[in-house]
Amino acid sequence: MKRMIAILLTGSAVLTLTACAAPASAPAAAPAAQETAPAAEAPQETAEAEEAAETEEAAPADSGETFVFKHGFDLDYPPYSYIDDSGKVGGFDVEMAQAVCEYYGWQYEAVPFNWDAKDAELNAGSCDCIWSGFTVNGREDDYLWSKPYSDNTQMIMVNKNSGIETLADLAGKIVGVQTSTSAYDLLNDEEGQAELCKTFASLEVYETYTIAFNDLKAGAIDAIAIDVTSGNYLMSGQEDYGYLDEALGSEQYAIGFRKDDTELRDKIDAALDALVADGTYDTIGQKYPEIYDFLCLGK
């Protein structure tokens, strides 16, 4: 699903309890005092131990240093994630990940990559998650997922003057799609839209949707299979382009983690709930009108 600049390619307490021994020459009364002292100190030591344990659990790191959250995302998938011409990262998912880091006091680290490299980056530990308009549907068992935060729909984008008005009109046409996206999977799934795909003259696979849209504008392809939120962004201010009325499918976006990272997933979910409650989620969402109506947390 994605893209802003195709020029970038690939790229992420110990608590010590001490007790004092009694002096060897202690007076006769000292032993009684020593017998009661540990009992008086024990509750304080226990409380300190519990507090330290809670502090240790505050972030999914045990070094005592600030946890560095490595955010893995598609480098060209606006409005969810992208790198602009100045090299600055941005997008709804990027801002939400930064808000989570601010909430916990974590350090944010951006790990942008080409979308087809996402699994390699995650499995290598270069990033802590894939958070970039990532479709859950069809991948439920492949990752550990956060709660969904955005709804979406797969559509066909065309030039309004192309004469293409229905899915049936795509027969004999050249259709573009981004590699490793849910739209690509849908068009190659026998239980999805594979039969429709077989009617195309060809299915052209692109590295980014930005490149595909440029080819659509140039007339090199006839249509694009794309998620509606990403398509809305690309078509912003482009009145000659729109969607067919028939949708290819529906989906939800969530954050994908390695399957054993339950602690981190649970902390991110808790932070998302807090950011919904304090209005941060809505405030960030309003900056991205192409996706705002599709945001589903707290609804």
C-alpha atoms as a PDB file:
ATOM      1  CA  MET A   1       0.000   0.000   0.000  1.00  0.00           C
ATOM      2  CA  LYS A   2       2.200   3.031  -0.399  1.00  0.00           C
ATOM      3  CA  ARG A   3       4.699   5.977  -1.169  1.00  0.00           C
ATOM      4  CA  MET A   4       6.103   9.499  -1.282  1.00  0.00           C
ATOM      5  CA  ILE A   5       9.591   9.246  -2.650  1.00  0.00           C
ATOM      6  CA  ALA A   6      10.546   6.307  -4.748  1.00  0.00           C
ATOM      7  CA  ILE A   7      14.137   7.537  -4.897  1.00  0.00           C
ATOM      8  CA  LEU A   8      14.916   5.935  -1.582  1.00  0.00           C
ATOM      9  CA  LEU A   9      15.520   2.216  -1.607  1.00  0.00           C
ATOM     10  CA  THR A  10      15.686  -0.195   1.250  1.00  0.00           C
ATOM     11  CA  GLY A  11      16.971   0.612   4.103  1.00  0.00           C
ATOM     12  CA  SER A  12      16.675  -0.805  12.703  1.00  0.00           C
ATOM     13  CA  ALA A  13      17.496  -2.838  38.077  1.00  0.00           C
ATOM     14  CA  VAL A  14      19.094  -4.762  39.314  1.00  0.00           C
ATOM     15  CA  LEU A  15      17.839  -4.163  42.860  1.00  0.00           C
ATOM     16  CA  THR A  16      20.418  -5.084  45.502  1.00  0.00           C
ATOM     17  CA  LEU A  17      19.187  -5.619  49.042  1.00  0.00           C
ATOM     18  CA  THR A  18      21.858  -5.341  51.748  1.00  0.00           C
ATOM     19  CA  ALA A  19      21.803  -6.350  55.431  1.00  0.00           C
ATOM     20  CA  CYS A  20      24.288  -5.216  58.061  1.00  0.00           C
ATOM     21  CA  ALA A  21      25.951  -7.806  60.288  1.00  0.00           C
ATOM     22  CA  ALA A  22      26.086  -7.153  64.013  1.00  0.00           C
ATOM     23  CA  PRO A  23      29.450  -6.019  65.420  1.00  0.00           C
ATOM     24  CA  ALA A  24      31.371  -8.814  67.099  1.00  0.00           C
ATOM     25  CA  SER A  25      31.677  -6.824  70.334  1.00  0.00           C
ATOM     26  CA  ALA A  26      28.040  -5.791  70.589  1.00  0.00           C
ATOM     27  CA  PRO A  27      26.669  -5.404  74.141  1.00  0.00           C
ATOM     28  CA  ALA A  28      24.257  -7.950  75.583  1.00  0.00           C
ATOM     29  CA  ALA A  29      21.225  -5.846  74.666  1.00  0.00           C
ATOM     30  CA  ALA A  30      22.220  -5.646  71.012  1.00  0.00           C
ATOM     31  CA  PRO A  31      20.965  -9.076  69.918  1.00  0.00           C
ATOM     32  CA  ALA A  32      17.383  -8.202  70.920  1.00  0.00           C
ATOM     33  CA  ALA A  33      17.602  -4.985  68.912  1.00  0.00           C
ATOM     34  CA  GLN A  34      18.998  -6.893  65.953  1.00  0.00           C
ATOM     35  CA  GLU A  35      16.166  -9.400  66.106  1.00  0.00           C
ATOM     36  CA  THR A  36      13.563  -6.667  65.778  1.00  0.00           C
ATOM     37  CA  ALA A  37      15.396  -4.500  63.252  1.00  0.00           C
ATOM     38  CA  PRO A  38      15.024  -6.823  60.249  1.00  0.00           C
ATOM     39  CA  ALA A  39      11.300  -7.173  60.951  1.00  0.00           C
ATOM     40  CA  ALA A  40      10.922  -3.396  60.929  1.00  0.00           C
ATOM     41  CA  GLU A  41      12.943  -3.013  57.722  1.00  0.00           C
ATOM     42  CA  ALA A  42      11.371  -5.884  55.790  1.00  0.00           C
ATOM     43  CA  PRO A  43       8.193  -4.054  54.715  1.00  0.00           C
ATOM     44  CA  GLN A  44      10.292  -1.177  53.367  1.00  0.00           C
ATOM     45  CA  GLU A  45      12.586  -3.581  51.527  1.00  0.00           C
ATOM     46  CA  THR A  46       9.593  -5.434  50.087  1.00  0.00           C
ATOM     47  CA  ALA A  47       7.977  -2.182  48.973  1.00  0.00           C
ATOM     48  CA  GLU A  48      11.238  -1.094  47.356  1.00  0.00           C
ATOM     49  CA  ALA A  49      11.558  -4.414  45.577  1.00  0.00           C
ATOM     50  CA  GLU A  50       8.001  -4.201  44.274  1.00  0.00           C
ATOM     51  CA  GLU A  51       8.544  -0.625  43.123  1.00  0.00           C
ATOM     52  CA  ALA A  52      11.727  -1.622  41.334  1.00  0.00           C
ATOM     53  CA  ALA A  53       9.949  -4.521  39.665  1.00  0.00           C
ATOM     54  CA  GLU A  54       7.216  -2.190  38.456  1.00  0.00           C
ATOM     55  CA  THR A  55       9.808   0.217  37.124  1.00  0.00           C
ATOM     56  CA  GLU A  56      11.588  -2.617  35.379  1.00  0.00           C
ATOM     57  CA  GLU A  57       8.348  -3.562  33.641  1.00  0.00           C
ATOM     58  CA  ALA A  58       7.664   0.014  32.493  1.00  0.00           C
ATOM     59  CA  ALA A  59       9.347  -0.656  29.148  1.00  0.00           C
ATOM     60  CA  PRO A  60      10.158  -3.853  27.235  1.00  0.00           C
ATOM     61  CA  ALA A  61      13.848  -3.436  27.994  1.00  0.00           C
ATOM     62  CA  ASP A  62      15.910  -4.600  30.982  1.00  0.00           C
ATOM     63  CA  SER A  63      19.058  -2.506  30.624  1.00  0.00           C
ATOM     64  CA  GLY A  64      17.817   0.344  32.797  1.00  0.00           C
ATOM     65  CA  GLU A  65      18.337   2.681  29.831  1.00  0.00           C
ATOM     66  CA  THR A  66      15.638   4.506  27.874  1.00  0.00           C
ATOM     67  CA  PHE A  67      13.876   2.056  25.585  1.00  0.00           C
ATOM     68  CA  VAL A  68      14.459   2.777  21.899  1.00  0.00           C
ATOM     69  CA  PHE A  69      11.306   2.028  19.909  1.00  0.00           C
ATOM     70  CA  LYS A  70      12.283   1.122  16.355  1.00  0.00           C
ATOM     71  CA  HIS A  71       9.331   1.948  14.115  1.00  0.00           C
ATOM     72  CA  GLY A  72       9.348  -0.019  10.872  1.00  0.00           C
ATOM     73  CA  PHE A  73       7.347   1.539   8.038  1.00  0.00           C
ATOM     74  CA  ASP A  74       6.968   1.853   4.276  1.00  0.00           C
ATOM     75  CA  LEU A  75       9.081   4.768   3.109  1.00  0.00           C
ATOM     76  CA  ASP A  76       6.501   5.785   0.485  1.00  0.00           C
ATOM     77  CA  TYR A  77       2.959   5.125   1.655  1.00  0.00           C
ATOM     78  CA  PRO A  78       1.303   8.479   2.237  1.00  0.00           C
ATOM     79  CA  PRO A  79      -0.673   9.498   4.175  1.00  0.00           C
ATOM     80  CA  TYR A  80       0.312   6.760   6.661  1.00  0.00           C
ATOM     81  CA  SER A  81       4.091   6.928   6.325  1.00  0.00           C
ATOM     82  CA  TYR A  82       6.603   8.568   4.041  1.00  0.00           C
ATOM     83  CA  ILE A  83       9.862  10.460   3.723  1.00  0.00           C
ATOM     84  CA  ASP A  84       9.523  13.923   2.203  1.00  0.00           C
ATOM     85  CA  ASP A  85      11.922  15.656  -0.162  1.00  0.00           C
ATOM     86  CA  SER A  86      13.909  17.087   2.756  1.00  0.00           C
ATOM     87  CA  GLY A  87      14.421  13.625   4.253  1.00  0.00           C
ATOM     88  CA  LYS A  88      11.952  14.146   7.101  1.00  0.00           C
ATOM     89  CA  VAL A  89       9.620  11.295   8.019  1.00  0.00           C
ATOM     90  CA  GLY A  90       5.901  11.933   8.362  1.00  0.00           C
ATOM     91  CA  GLY A  91       2.408  10.513   8.096  1.00  0.00           C
ATOM     92  CA  PHE A  92      -0.389   9.449  10.416  1.00  0.00           C
ATOM     93  CA  ASP A  93       1.298   6.221  11.531  1.00  0.00           C
ATOM     94  CA  VAL A  94       4.612   7.986  12.101  1.00  0.00           C
ATOM     95  CA  GLU A  95       2.968  10.666  14.253  1.00  0.00           C
ATOM     96  CA  MET A  96       1.035   8.069  16.243  1.00  0.00           C
ATOM     97  CA  ALA A  97       4.182   6.028  16.875  1.00  0.00           C
ATOM     98  CA  GLN A  98       5.955   9.183  18.040  1.00  0.00           C
ATOM     99  CA  ALA A  99       2.998   9.974  20.328  1.00  0.00           C
ATOM    100  CA  VAL A 100       3.268   6.491  21.882  1.00  0.00           C
ATOM    101  CA  CYS A 101       6.969   7.108  22.529  1.00  0.00           C
ATOM    102  CA  GLU A 102       6.190  10.464  24.136  1.00  0.00           C
ATOM    103  CA  TYR A 103       3.531   8.804  26.299  1.00  0.00           C
ATOM    104  CA  TYR A 104       6.005   6.255  27.696  1.00  0.00           C
ATOM    105  CA  GLY A 105       9.137   8.377  27.576  1.00  0.00           C
ATOM    106  CA  TRP A 106      10.702   6.101  24.956  1.00  0.00           C
ATOM    107  CA  GLN A 107      13.175   7.184  22.315  1.00  0.00           C
ATOM    108  CA  TYR A 108      11.742   7.054  18.772  1.00  0.00           C
ATOM    109  CA  GLU A 109      13.782   5.627  15.927  1.00  0.00           C
ATOM    110  CA  ALA A 110      12.490   5.628  12.344  1.00  0.00           C
ATOM    111  CA  VAL A 111      13.225   2.495  10.303  1.00  0.00           C
ATOM    112  CA  PRO A 112      11.916   3.141   6.757  1.00  0.00           C
ATOM    113  CA  PHE A 113      12.140   0.426   4.106  1.00  0.00           C
ATOM    114  CA  ASN A 114      10.758  -0.687   0.770  1.00  0.00           C
ATOM    115  CA  TRP A 115       7.529  -2.530   1.509  1.00  0.00           C
ATOM    116  CA  ASP A 116       8.620  -5.879   0.105  1.00  0.00           C
ATOM    117  CA  ALA A 117      11.486  -5.905   2.650  1.00  0.00           C
ATOM    118  CA  LYS A 118       9.199  -5.584   5.691  1.00  0.00           C
ATOM    119  CA  ASP A 119       9.400  -9.215   6.859  1.00  0.00           C
ATOM    120  CA  ALA A 120      13.170  -9.354   6.502  1.00  0.00           C
ATOM    121  CA  GLU A 121      13.530  -6.149   8.516  1.00  0.00           C
ATOM    122  CA  LEU A 122      11.194  -7.380  11.264  1.00  0.00           C
ATOM    123  CA  ASN A 123      12.706 -10.856  11.524  1.00  0.00           C
ATOM    124  CA  ALA A 124      16.238  -9.450  11.608  1.00  0.00           C
ATOM    125  CA  GLY A 125      15.329  -7.239  14.557  1.00  0.00           C
ATOM    126  CA  SER A 126      15.969  -4.045  12.621  1.00  0.00           C
ATOM    127  CA  CYS A 127      12.544  -2.822  13.738  1.00  0.00           C
ATOM    128  CA  ASP A 128      10.150  -3.658  16.578  1.00  0.00           C
ATOM    129  CA  CYS A 129       7.010  -3.740  14.467  1.00  0.00           C
ATOM    130  CA  ILE A 130       5.494  -3.037  11.066  1.00  0.00           C
ATOM    131  CA  TRP A 131       3.290   0.022  11.495  1.00  0.00           C
ATOM    132  CA  SER A 132       2.418   1.433   8.090  1.00  0.00           C
ATOM    133  CA  GLY A 133      -1.133   0.938   6.864  1.00  0.00           C
ATOM    134  CA  PHE A 134      -0.617  -2.797   7.383  1.00  0.00           C
ATOM    135  CA  THR A 135      -3.592  -4.983   6.467  1.00  0.00           C
ATOM    136  CA  VAL A 136      -4.626  -7.641   8.980  1.00  0.00           C
ATOM    137  CA  ASN A 137      -7.032  -9.535   6.725  1.00  0.00           C
ATOM    138  CA  GLY A 138      -5.442 -12.623   5.229  1.00  0.00           C
ATOM    139  CA  ARG A 139      -2.406 -12.271   7.512  1.00  0.00           C
ATOM    140  CA  GLU A 140      -4.071 -13.014  10.845  1.00  0.00           C
ATOM    141  CA  ASP A 141      -1.749 -15.927  11.665  1.00  0.00           C
ATOM    142  CA  ASP A 142       1.450 -14.416  10.305  1.00  0.00           C
ATOM    143  CA  TYR A 143       2.021 -11.774  12.990  1.00  0.00           C
ATOM    144  CA  LEU A 144       1.026 -10.759  16.504  1.00  0.00           C
ATOM    145  CA  TRP A 145      -1.436  -7.919  15.920  1.00  0.00           C
ATOM    146  CA  SER A 146      -2.418  -4.801  17.804  1.00  0.00           C
ATOM    147  CA  LYS A 147      -6.046  -3.762  17.914  1.00  0.00           C
ATOM    148  CA  PRO A 148      -7.188  -2.378  14.524  1.00  0.00           C
ATOM    149  CA  TYR A 149      -7.024   1.402  14.272  1.00  0.00           C
ATOM    150  CA  SER A 150      -8.281   2.078  10.713  1.00  0.00           C
ATOM    151  CA  ASP A 151     -10.834   0.606   8.337  1.00  0.00           C
ATOM    152  CA  ASN A 152     -10.151   0.519   4.613  1.00  0.00           C
ATOM    153  CA  THR A 153     -11.476  -0.659   1.254  1.00  0.00           C
ATOM    154  CA  GLN A 154      -9.716  -1.927  -1.868  1.00  0.00           C
ATOM    155  CA  MET A 155     -10.875  -0.063  -4.973  1.00  0.00           C
ATOM    156  CA  ILE A 156     -10.072   0.416  -8.660  1.00  0.00           C
ATOM    157  CA  MET A 157      -8.795   3.895  -9.568  1.00  0.00           C
ATOM    158  CA  VAL A 158      -9.259   5.144 -13.135  1.00  0.00           C
ATOM    159  CA  ASN A 159      -9.212   8.279 -15.215  1.00  0.00           C
ATOM    160  CA  LYS A 160     -12.830   9.424 -15.290  1.00  0.00           C
ATOM    161  CA  ASN A 161     -12.561   9.913 -19.057  1.00  0.00           C
ATOM    162  CA  SER A 162     -11.269   6.396 -19.729  1.00  0.00           C
ATOM    163  CA  GLY A 163     -14.672   4.858 -20.415  1.00  0.00           C
ATOM    164  CA  ILE A 164     -14.052   2.289 -17.683  1.00  0.00           C
ATOM    165  CA  GLU A 165     -17.136   2.307 -15.453  1.00  0.00           C
ATOM    166  CA  THR A 166     -17.415  -1.231 -14.038  1.00  0.00           C
ATOM    167  CA  LEU A 167     -15.111  -4.082 -13.075  1.00  0.00           C
ATOM    168  CA  ALA A 168     -16.220  -5.881 -16.224  1.00  0.00           C
ATOM    169  CA  ASP A 169     -14.813  -3.007 -18.289  1.00  0.00           C
ATOM    170  CA  LEU A 170     -11.319  -3.904 -17.068  1.00  0.00           C
ATOM    171  CA  ALA A 171     -11.248  -6.866 -19.469  1.00  0.00           C
ATOM    172  CA  GLY A 172      -8.333  -6.382 -21.817  1.00  0.00           C
ATOM    173  CA  LYS A 173      -6.967  -3.455 -19.795  1.00  0.00           C
ATOM    174  CA  ILE A 174      -3.602  -2.914 -18.129  1.00  0.00           C
ATOM    175  CA  VAL A 175      -3.991  -2.655 -14.351  1.00  0.00           C
ATOM    176  CA  GLY A 176      -1.292  -1.552 -11.922  1.00  0.00           C
ATOM    177  CA  VAL A 177      -0.774  -2.590  -8.304  1.00  0.00           C
ATOM    178  CA  GLN A 178       1.949  -2.229  -5.697  1.00  0.00           C
ATOM    179  CA  THR A 179       3.993  -5.290  -4.817  1.00  0.00           C
ATOM    180  CA  SER A 180       3.370  -7.142  -1.540  1.00  0.00           C
ATOM    181  CA  THR A 181       0.142  -5.255  -0.811  1.00  0.00           C
ATOM    182  CA  SER A 182      -3.263  -6.608   0.099  1.00  0.00           C
ATOM    183  CA  ALA A 183      -4.548  -5.469  -3.315  1.00  0.00           C
ATOM    184  CA  TYR A 184      -1.839  -7.561  -4.967  1.00  0.00           C
ATOM    185  CA  ASP A 185      -2.719 -10.548  -2.782  1.00  0.00           C
ATOM    186  CA  LEU A 186      -6.412 -10.103  -3.509  1.00  0.00           C
ATOM    187  CA  LEU A 187      -5.878 -10.139  -7.280  1.00  0.00           C
ATOM    188  CA  ASN A 188      -3.814 -13.321  -7.019  1.00  0.00           C
ATOM    189  CA  ASP A 189      -6.071 -15.188  -4.594  1.00  0.00           C
ATOM    190  CA  GLU A 190      -8.389 -17.778  -6.094  1.00  0.00           C
ATOM    191  CA  GLU A 191     -10.822 -17.028  -3.271  1.00  0.00           C
ATOM    192  CA  GLY A 192     -10.459 -13.297  -3.926  1.00  0.00           C
ATOM    193  CA  GLN A 193     -10.324 -11.526  -7.263  1.00  0.00           C
ATOM    194  CA  ALA A 194      -8.103 -13.879  -9.262  1.00  0.00           C
ATOM    195  CA  GLU A 195     -10.853 -14.506 -11.803  1.00  0.00           C
ATOM    196  CA  LEU A 196     -11.177 -10.781 -12.390  1.00  0.00           C
ATOM    197  CA  CYS A 197      -7.403 -10.483 -12.730  1.00  0.00           C
ATOM    198  CA  LYS A 198      -7.401 -13.147 -15.445  1.00  0.00           C
ATOM    199  CA  THR A 199      -9.482 -10.837 -17.643  1.00  0.00           C
ATOM    200  CA  PHE A 200      -6.811  -8.096 -17.603  1.00  0.00           C
ATOM    201  CA  ALA A 201      -4.445  -7.680 -20.513  1.00  0.00           C
ATOM    202  CA  SER A 202      -1.765  -7.584 -17.826  1.00  0.00           C
ATOM    203  CA  LEU A 203      -1.216  -6.827 -14.155  1.00  0.00           C
ATOM    204  CA  GLU A 204       1.726  -4.458 -13.812  1.00  0.00           C
ATOM    205  CA  VAL A 205       3.453  -4.683 -10.415  1.00  0.00           C
ATOM    206  CA  TYR A 206       5.078  -1.519  -9.047  1.00  0.00           C
ATOM    207  CA  GLU A 207       7.462  -0.830  -6.212  1.00  0.00           C
ATOM    208  CA  THR A 208       5.259   2.036  -4.996  1.00  0.00           C
ATOM    209  CA  TYR A 209       1.794   3.393  -5.676  1.00  0.00           C
ATOM    210  CA  THR A 210       3.336   6.789  -6.365  1.00  0.00           C
ATOM    211  CA  ILE A 211       5.053   5.353  -9.446  1.00  0.00           C
ATOM    212  CA  ALA A 212       1.874   3.532 -10.482  1.00  0.00           C
ATOM    213  CA  PHE A 213      -0.157   6.733 -10.252  1.00  0.00           C
ATOM    214  CA  ASN A 214       2.369   8.584 -12.393  1.00  0.00           C
ATOM    215  CA  ASP A 215       2.002   5.860 -15.028  1.00  0.00           C
ATOM    216  CA  LEU A 216      -1.785   6.128 -14.830  1.00  0.00           C
ATOM    217  CA  LYS A 217      -1.555   9.866 -15.454  1.00  0.00           C
ATOM    218  CA  ALA A 218       0.814   9.238 -18.350  1.00  0.00           C
ATOM    219  CA  GLY A 219      -1.561   6.685 -19.905  1.00  0.00           C
ATOM    220  CA  ALA A 220       0.893   3.810 -19.552  1.00  0.00           C
ATOM    221  CA  ILE A 221      -1.705   1.817 -17.591  1.00  0.00           C
ATOM    222  CA  ASP A 222      -5.505   1.942 -17.544  1.00  0.00           C
ATOM    223  CA  ALA A 223      -6.305   1.478 -13.851  1.00  0.00           C
ATOM    224  CA  ILE A 224      -4.827   0.869 -10.398  1.00  0.00           C
ATOM    225  CA  ALA A 225      -5.984  -1.579  -7.716  1.00  0.00           C
ATOM    226  CA  ILE A 226      -5.399   0.369  -4.518  1.00  0.00           C
ATOM    227  CA  ASP A 227      -6.648   0.911  -0.977  1.00  0.00           C
ATOM    228  CA  VAL A 228      -9.007   3.866  -0.817  1.00  0.00           C
ATOM    229  CA  THR A 229      -7.136   5.862   1.850  1.00  0.00           C
ATOM    230  CA  SER A 230      -3.845   5.799  -0.049  1.00  0.00           C
ATOM    231  CA  GLY A 231      -5.706   6.497  -3.278  1.00  0.00           C
ATOM    232  CA  ASN A 232      -7.478   9.471  -1.715  1.00  0.00           C
ATOM    233  CA  TYR A 233      -4.112  10.989  -0.916  1.00  0.00           C
ATOM    234  CA  LEU A 234      -2.699  10.451  -4.397  1.00  0.00           C
ATOM    235  CA  MET A 235      -5.805  11.867  -6.077  1.00  0.00           C
ATOM    236  CA  SER A 236      -5.980  14.943  -3.855  1.00  0.00           C
ATOM    237  CA  GLY A 237      -6.471  17.910  -6.175  1.00  0.00           C
ATOM    238  CA  GLN A 238      -6.654  15.599  -9.218  1.00  0.00           C
ATOM    239  CA  GLU A 239     -10.272  15.943 -10.388  1.00  0.00           C
ATOM    240  CA  ASP A 240      -9.780  13.742 -13.459  1.00  0.00           C
ATOM    241  CA  TYR A 241      -9.411  10.591 -11.342  1.00  0.00           C
ATOM    242  CA  GLY A 242     -11.817   8.543  -9.266  1.00  0.00           C
ATOM    243  CA  TYR A 243     -12.890   5.052  -8.228  1.00  0.00           C
ATOM    244  CA  LEU A 244     -15.250   2.540  -9.764  1.00  0.00           C
ATOM    245  CA  ASP A 245     -18.405   2.043  -7.700  1.00  0.00           C
ATOM    246  CA  GLU A 246     -17.658  -1.661  -7.143  1.00  0.00           C
ATOM    247  CA  ALA A 247     -15.169  -2.422  -4.373  1.00  0.00           C
ATOM    248  CA  LEU A 248     -12.667  -5.268  -4.544  1.00  0.00           C
ATOM    249  CA  GLY A 249     -12.790  -5.950  -0.799  1.00  0.00           C
ATOM    250  CA  SER A 250     -12.645  -4.474   2.696  1.00  0.00           C
ATOM    251  CA  GLU A 251      -9.947  -4.649   5.342  1.00  0.00           C
ATOM    252  CA  GLN A 252      -8.548  -3.231   8.578  1.00  0.00           C
ATOM    253  CA  TYR A 253      -5.154  -1.833   9.453  1.00  0.00           C
ATOM    254  CA  ALA A 254      -3.235  -2.733  12.617  1.00  0.00           C
ATOM    255  CA  ILE A 255       0.345  -2.970  13.857  1.00  0.00           C
ATOM    256  CA  GLY A 256       2.203  -6.227  13.192  1.00  0.00           C
ATOM    257  CA  PHE A 257       4.697  -7.579  15.763  1.00  0.00           C
ATOM    258  CA  ARG A 258       6.841 -10.684  16.018  1.00  0.00           C
ATOM    259  CA  LYS A 259       4.701 -13.435  17.511  1.00  0.00           C
ATOM    260  CA  ASP A 260       6.565 -13.559  20.848  1.00  0.00           C
ATOM    261  CA  ASP A 261       6.482  -9.796  21.474  1.00  0.00           C
ATOM    262  CA  THR A 262       3.306  -9.872  23.556  1.00  0.00           C
ATOM    263  CA  GLU A 263       4.633  -7.448  26.181  1.00  0.00           C
ATOM    264  CA  LEU A 264       5.396  -4.775  23.615  1.00  0.00           C
ATOM    265  CA  ARG A 265       2.105  -5.346  21.791  1.00  0.00           C
ATOM    266  CA  ASP A 266       0.149  -5.001  25.034  1.00  0.00           C
ATOM    267  CA  LYS A 267       1.938  -1.776  25.922  1.00  0.00           C
ATOM    268  CA  ILE A 268       1.248  -0.291  22.498  1.00  0.00           C
ATOM    269  CA  ASP A 269      -2.433  -1.243  22.786  1.00  0.00           C
ATOM    270  CA  ALA A 270      -2.611   0.410  26.214  1.00  0.00           C
ATOM    271  CA  ALA A 271      -0.982   3.551  24.848  1.00  0.00           C
ATOM    272  CA  LEU A 272      -3.391   3.675  21.902  1.00  0.00           C
ATOM    273  CA  ASP A 273      -6.335   3.525  24.319  1.00  0.00           C
ATOM    274  CA  ALA A 274      -4.838   6.384  26.327  1.00  0.00           C
ATOM    275  CA  LEU A 275      -4.195   8.473  23.211  1.00  0.00           C
ATOM    276  CA  VAL A 276      -7.789   7.954  22.097  1.00  0.00           C
ATOM    277  CA  ALA A 277      -9.041   8.976  25.542  1.00  0.00           C
ATOM    278  CA  ASP A 278      -6.974  12.184  25.708  1.00  0.00           C
ATOM    279  CA  GLY A 279      -7.850  13.237  22.143  1.00  0.00           C
ATOM    280  CA  THR A 280      -4.370  12.793  20.617  1.00  0.00           C
ATOM    281  CA  TYR A 281      -5.561  10.135  18.144  1.00  0.00           C
ATOM    282  CA  ASP A 282      -8.339  12.398  16.900  1.00  0.00           C
ATOM    283  CA  THR A 283      -6.085  15.470  16.742  1.00  0.00           C
ATOM    284  CA  ILE A 284      -3.496  13.670  14.627  1.00  0.00           C
ATOM    285  CA  GLY A 285      -6.210  12.119  12.476  1.00  0.00           C
ATOM    286  CA  GLN A 286      -7.689  15.504  11.611  1.00  0.00           C
ATOM    287  CA  LYS A 287      -4.383  16.445   9.989  1.00  0.00           C
ATOM    288  CA  TYR A 288      -4.975  13.692   7.412  1.00  0.00           C
ATOM    289  CA  PRO A 289      -8.468  14.217   5.935  1.00  0.00           C
ATOM    290  CA  GLU A 290      -7.960  11.396   3.404  1.00  0.00           C
ATOM    291  CA  ILE A 291      -8.100   8.835   6.196  1.00  0.00           C
ATOM    292  CA  TYR A 292      -9.911  10.610   9.034  1.00  0.00           C
ATOM    293  CA  ASP A 293     -13.339   9.104   8.340  1.00  0.00           C
ATOM    294  CA  PHE A 294     -11.826   5.606   8.301  1.00  0.00           C
ATOM    295  CA  LEU A 295     -10.241   5.775  11.763  1.00  0.00           C
ATOM    296  CA  CYS A 296     -12.021   3.260  13.962  1.00  0.00           C
ATOM    297  CA  LEU A 297     -10.487   3.286  17.461  1.00  0.00           C
ATOM    298  CA  GLY A 298     -12.955   4.430  20.091  1.00  0.00           C
ATOM    299  CA  LYS A 299     -15.885   4.171  17.674  1.00  0.00           C
END
